[in-house]
Every structure is written in C-alpha cells, then in structure tokens.
Amino acid sequence: MAMATVARSGFSVLLFIGLFTVSVKYVHTWPQPMAARQLDLLLRMSGKLGIHDPDDLYIPAMMVAEVAVTVVVYALTMNLWRRYGARRRNNTTHE
C-alpha cells in the first residue's frame, strides 16, 4: 500500500471522527427542553417498546441521528473535495 493511500485513509478517518464530534455537540435537544409533542412521542414509543426509562430510547436514537448527520456531511464534503481536486487538475493541465 502506497504511503499516499495510507495518508488519505488516515485523513478520511480523522475527518469522519471530527465531523461526528461536531455532530454530537449540536444534534440534540439538550439543554433546551423537548417540545411537548416530542416528549409525548418519546414516552409513547418507549412505552410501546417496553422501555421503562425514556432516556434508554432517547440516547440511542440521538446516536443514530448523529451518525446519519455525520455520514451525510462526510459524503458531501468528500464530493466537494473531489470536484475541487478535479477542477484544480483541469486548470493546471490547460495552462
């Protein structure tokens, strides 16, 4: 495996971890209280699933949402980076 490939893979992993860290910080309702409809939905869903403590449903649900947001932002970032690189390469070859 070439060193450049290892570097790109390491960068990608660090980018994903960094985006996930930002997502964890901003994708949730805490410290603001949940809206009444959200709280009602959380209580009904946890009751239907047989979960006694609604936090046992809230925390994994927020983790799934955070991972989903991270995947979307990561994919957009990588797509934009590829387009930028392709445009840069095209400008370099035409000069």
C-alpha atoms as a PDB file:
ATOM      1  CA  MET A   1       0.000   0.000   0.000  1.00  0.00           C
ATOM      2  CA  ALA A   2       1.408   3.367  -1.010  1.00  0.00           C
ATOM      3  CA  MET A   3       2.108   5.950   1.639  1.00  0.00           C
ATOM      4  CA  ALA A   4      -0.241   8.437  -0.056  1.00  0.00           C
ATOM      5  CA  THR A   5      -3.097   5.921   0.214  1.00  0.00           C
ATOM      6  CA  VAL A   6      -2.412   5.435   3.909  1.00  0.00           C
ATOM      7  CA  ALA A   7      -2.338   9.198   4.419  1.00  0.00           C
ATOM      8  CA  ARG A   8      -5.636   9.674   2.562  1.00  0.00           C
ATOM      9  CA  SER A   9      -7.266   6.890   4.560  1.00  0.00           C
ATOM     10  CA  GLY A  10      -5.999   8.361   7.818  1.00  0.00           C
ATOM     11  CA  PHE A  11      -7.255  11.799   6.819  1.00  0.00           C
ATOM     12  CA  SER A  12     -10.672  10.358   5.936  1.00  0.00           C
ATOM     13  CA  VAL A  13     -10.951   8.615   9.299  1.00  0.00           C
ATOM     14  CA  LEU A  14      -9.908  11.766  11.165  1.00  0.00           C
ATOM     15  CA  LEU A  15     -12.364  13.847   9.141  1.00  0.00           C
ATOM     16  CA  PHE A  16     -15.208  11.446   9.967  1.00  0.00           C
ATOM     17  CA  ILE A  17     -14.306  11.450  13.672  1.00  0.00           C
ATOM     18  CA  GLY A  18     -14.109  15.244  13.690  1.00  0.00           C
ATOM     19  CA  LEU A  19     -17.471  15.595  11.954  1.00  0.00           C
ATOM     20  CA  PHE A  20     -19.003  13.082  14.363  1.00  0.00           C
ATOM     21  CA  THR A  21     -17.656  15.071  17.323  1.00  0.00           C
ATOM     22  CA  VAL A  22     -19.265  18.242  15.966  1.00  0.00           C
ATOM     23  CA  SER A  23     -22.482  16.323  15.306  1.00  0.00           C
ATOM     24  CA  VAL A  24     -22.577  15.030  18.894  1.00  0.00           C
ATOM     25  CA  LYS A  25     -22.247  18.593  20.133  1.00  0.00           C
ATOM     26  CA  TYR A  26     -25.057  20.059  18.006  1.00  0.00           C
ATOM     27  CA  VAL A  27     -27.568  17.322  17.030  1.00  0.00           C
ATOM     28  CA  HIS A  28     -29.820  17.000  20.063  1.00  0.00           C
ATOM     29  CA  THR A  29     -32.441  18.862  22.062  1.00  0.00           C
ATOM     30  CA  TRP A  30     -30.470  19.121  25.305  1.00  0.00           C
ATOM     31  CA  PRO A  31     -30.140  21.534  27.243  1.00  0.00           C
ATOM     32  CA  GLN A  32     -33.369  23.035  25.875  1.00  0.00           C
ATOM     33  CA  PRO A  33     -36.426  21.086  26.974  1.00  0.00           C
ATOM     34  CA  MET A  34     -38.143  18.948  24.374  1.00  0.00           C
ATOM     35  CA  ALA A  35     -41.285  20.238  22.780  1.00  0.00           C
ATOM     36  CA  ALA A  36     -44.444  18.724  24.268  1.00  0.00           C
ATOM     37  CA  ARG A  37     -45.140  16.736  21.066  1.00  0.00           C
ATOM     38  CA  GLN A  38     -41.606  15.323  21.032  1.00  0.00           C
ATOM     39  CA  LEU A  39     -41.799  14.359  24.684  1.00  0.00           C
ATOM     40  CA  ASP A  40     -45.193  12.731  24.165  1.00  0.00           C
ATOM     41  CA  LEU A  41     -43.840  10.767  21.193  1.00  0.00           C
ATOM     42  CA  LEU A  42     -40.784   9.660  23.174  1.00  0.00           C
ATOM     43  CA  LEU A  43     -42.940   8.476  26.083  1.00  0.00           C
ATOM     44  CA  ARG A  44     -45.377   6.628  23.786  1.00  0.00           C
ATOM     45  CA  MET A  45     -42.574   4.967  21.807  1.00  0.00           C
ATOM     46  CA  SER A  46     -40.698   3.870  24.908  1.00  0.00           C
ATOM     47  CA  GLY A  47     -43.943   2.509  26.366  1.00  0.00           C
ATOM     48  CA  LYS A  48     -44.700   0.542  23.183  1.00  0.00           C
ATOM     49  CA  LEU A  49     -41.181  -0.877  23.152  1.00  0.00           C
ATOM     50  CA  GLY A  50     -41.376  -1.819  26.838  1.00  0.00           C
ATOM     51  CA  ILE A  51     -38.597   0.565  27.839  1.00  0.00           C
ATOM     52  CA  HIS A  52     -39.143   1.885  31.369  1.00  0.00           C
ATOM     53  CA  ASP A  53     -36.707   4.804  31.222  1.00  0.00           C
ATOM     54  CA  PRO A  54     -37.284   7.034  28.145  1.00  0.00           C
ATOM     55  CA  ASP A  55     -33.585   8.013  28.206  1.00  0.00           C
ATOM     56  CA  ASP A  56     -32.806   4.423  27.235  1.00  0.00           C
ATOM     57  CA  LEU A  57     -34.580   5.146  23.951  1.00  0.00           C
ATOM     58  CA  TYR A  58     -33.550   8.797  23.584  1.00  0.00           C
ATOM     59  CA  ILE A  59     -29.796   8.252  23.810  1.00  0.00           C
ATOM     60  CA  PRO A  60     -29.545   5.515  21.125  1.00  0.00           C
ATOM     61  CA  ALA A  61     -31.976   7.434  18.903  1.00  0.00           C
ATOM     62  CA  MET A  62     -29.792  10.538  19.146  1.00  0.00           C
ATOM     63  CA  MET A  63     -26.686   8.462  18.408  1.00  0.00           C
ATOM     64  CA  VAL A  64     -28.336   7.117  15.242  1.00  0.00           C
ATOM     65  CA  ALA A  65     -29.307  10.661  14.232  1.00  0.00           C
ATOM     66  CA  GLU A  66     -25.764  11.900  14.909  1.00  0.00           C
ATOM     67  CA  VAL A  67     -24.220   9.130  12.817  1.00  0.00           C
ATOM     68  CA  ALA A  68     -26.715   9.803   9.999  1.00  0.00           C
ATOM     69  CA  VAL A  69     -25.897  13.519  10.003  1.00  0.00           C
ATOM     70  CA  THR A  70     -22.174  12.712  10.075  1.00  0.00           C
ATOM     71  CA  VAL A  71     -22.458  10.339   7.096  1.00  0.00           C
ATOM     72  CA  VAL A  72     -24.373  12.914   5.041  1.00  0.00           C
ATOM     73  CA  VAL A  73     -21.964  15.763   5.846  1.00  0.00           C
ATOM     74  CA  TYR A  74     -18.946  13.481   5.246  1.00  0.00           C
ATOM     75  CA  ALA A  75     -20.304  12.391   1.845  1.00  0.00           C
ATOM     76  CA  LEU A  76     -20.990  15.999   0.836  1.00  0.00           C
ATOM     77  CA  THR A  77     -17.544  17.097   1.995  1.00  0.00           C
ATOM     78  CA  MET A  78     -15.773  14.321   0.098  1.00  0.00           C
ATOM     79  CA  ASN A  79     -17.831  15.004  -3.035  1.00  0.00           C
ATOM     80  CA  LEU A  80     -16.982  18.703  -2.896  1.00  0.00           C
ATOM     81  CA  TRP A  81     -13.315  17.881  -2.294  1.00  0.00           C
ATOM     82  CA  ARG A  82     -13.227  15.573  -5.345  1.00  0.00           C
ATOM     83  CA  ARG A  83     -14.835  18.261  -7.518  1.00  0.00           C
ATOM     84  CA  TYR A  84     -12.344  20.835  -6.248  1.00  0.00           C
ATOM     85  CA  GLY A  85      -9.443  18.484  -6.999  1.00  0.00           C
ATOM     86  CA  ALA A  86     -10.747  17.697 -10.476  1.00  0.00           C
ATOM     87  CA  ARG A  87     -11.210  21.395 -11.251  1.00  0.00           C
ATOM     88  CA  ARG A  88      -7.725  22.157  -9.968  1.00  0.00           C
ATOM     89  CA  ARG A  89      -6.207  19.394 -12.092  1.00  0.00           C
ATOM     90  CA  ASN A  90      -8.068  20.632 -15.189  1.00  0.00           C
ATOM     91  CA  ASN A  91      -6.877  24.203 -14.642  1.00  0.00           C
ATOM     92  CA  THR A  92      -3.290  23.004 -14.207  1.00  0.00           C
ATOM     93  CA  THR A  93      -3.279  20.952 -17.437  1.00  0.00           C
ATOM     94  CA  HIS A  94      -4.700  23.826 -19.539  1.00  0.00           C
ATOM     95  CA  GLU A  95      -2.066  26.351 -18.519  1.00  0.00           C
END
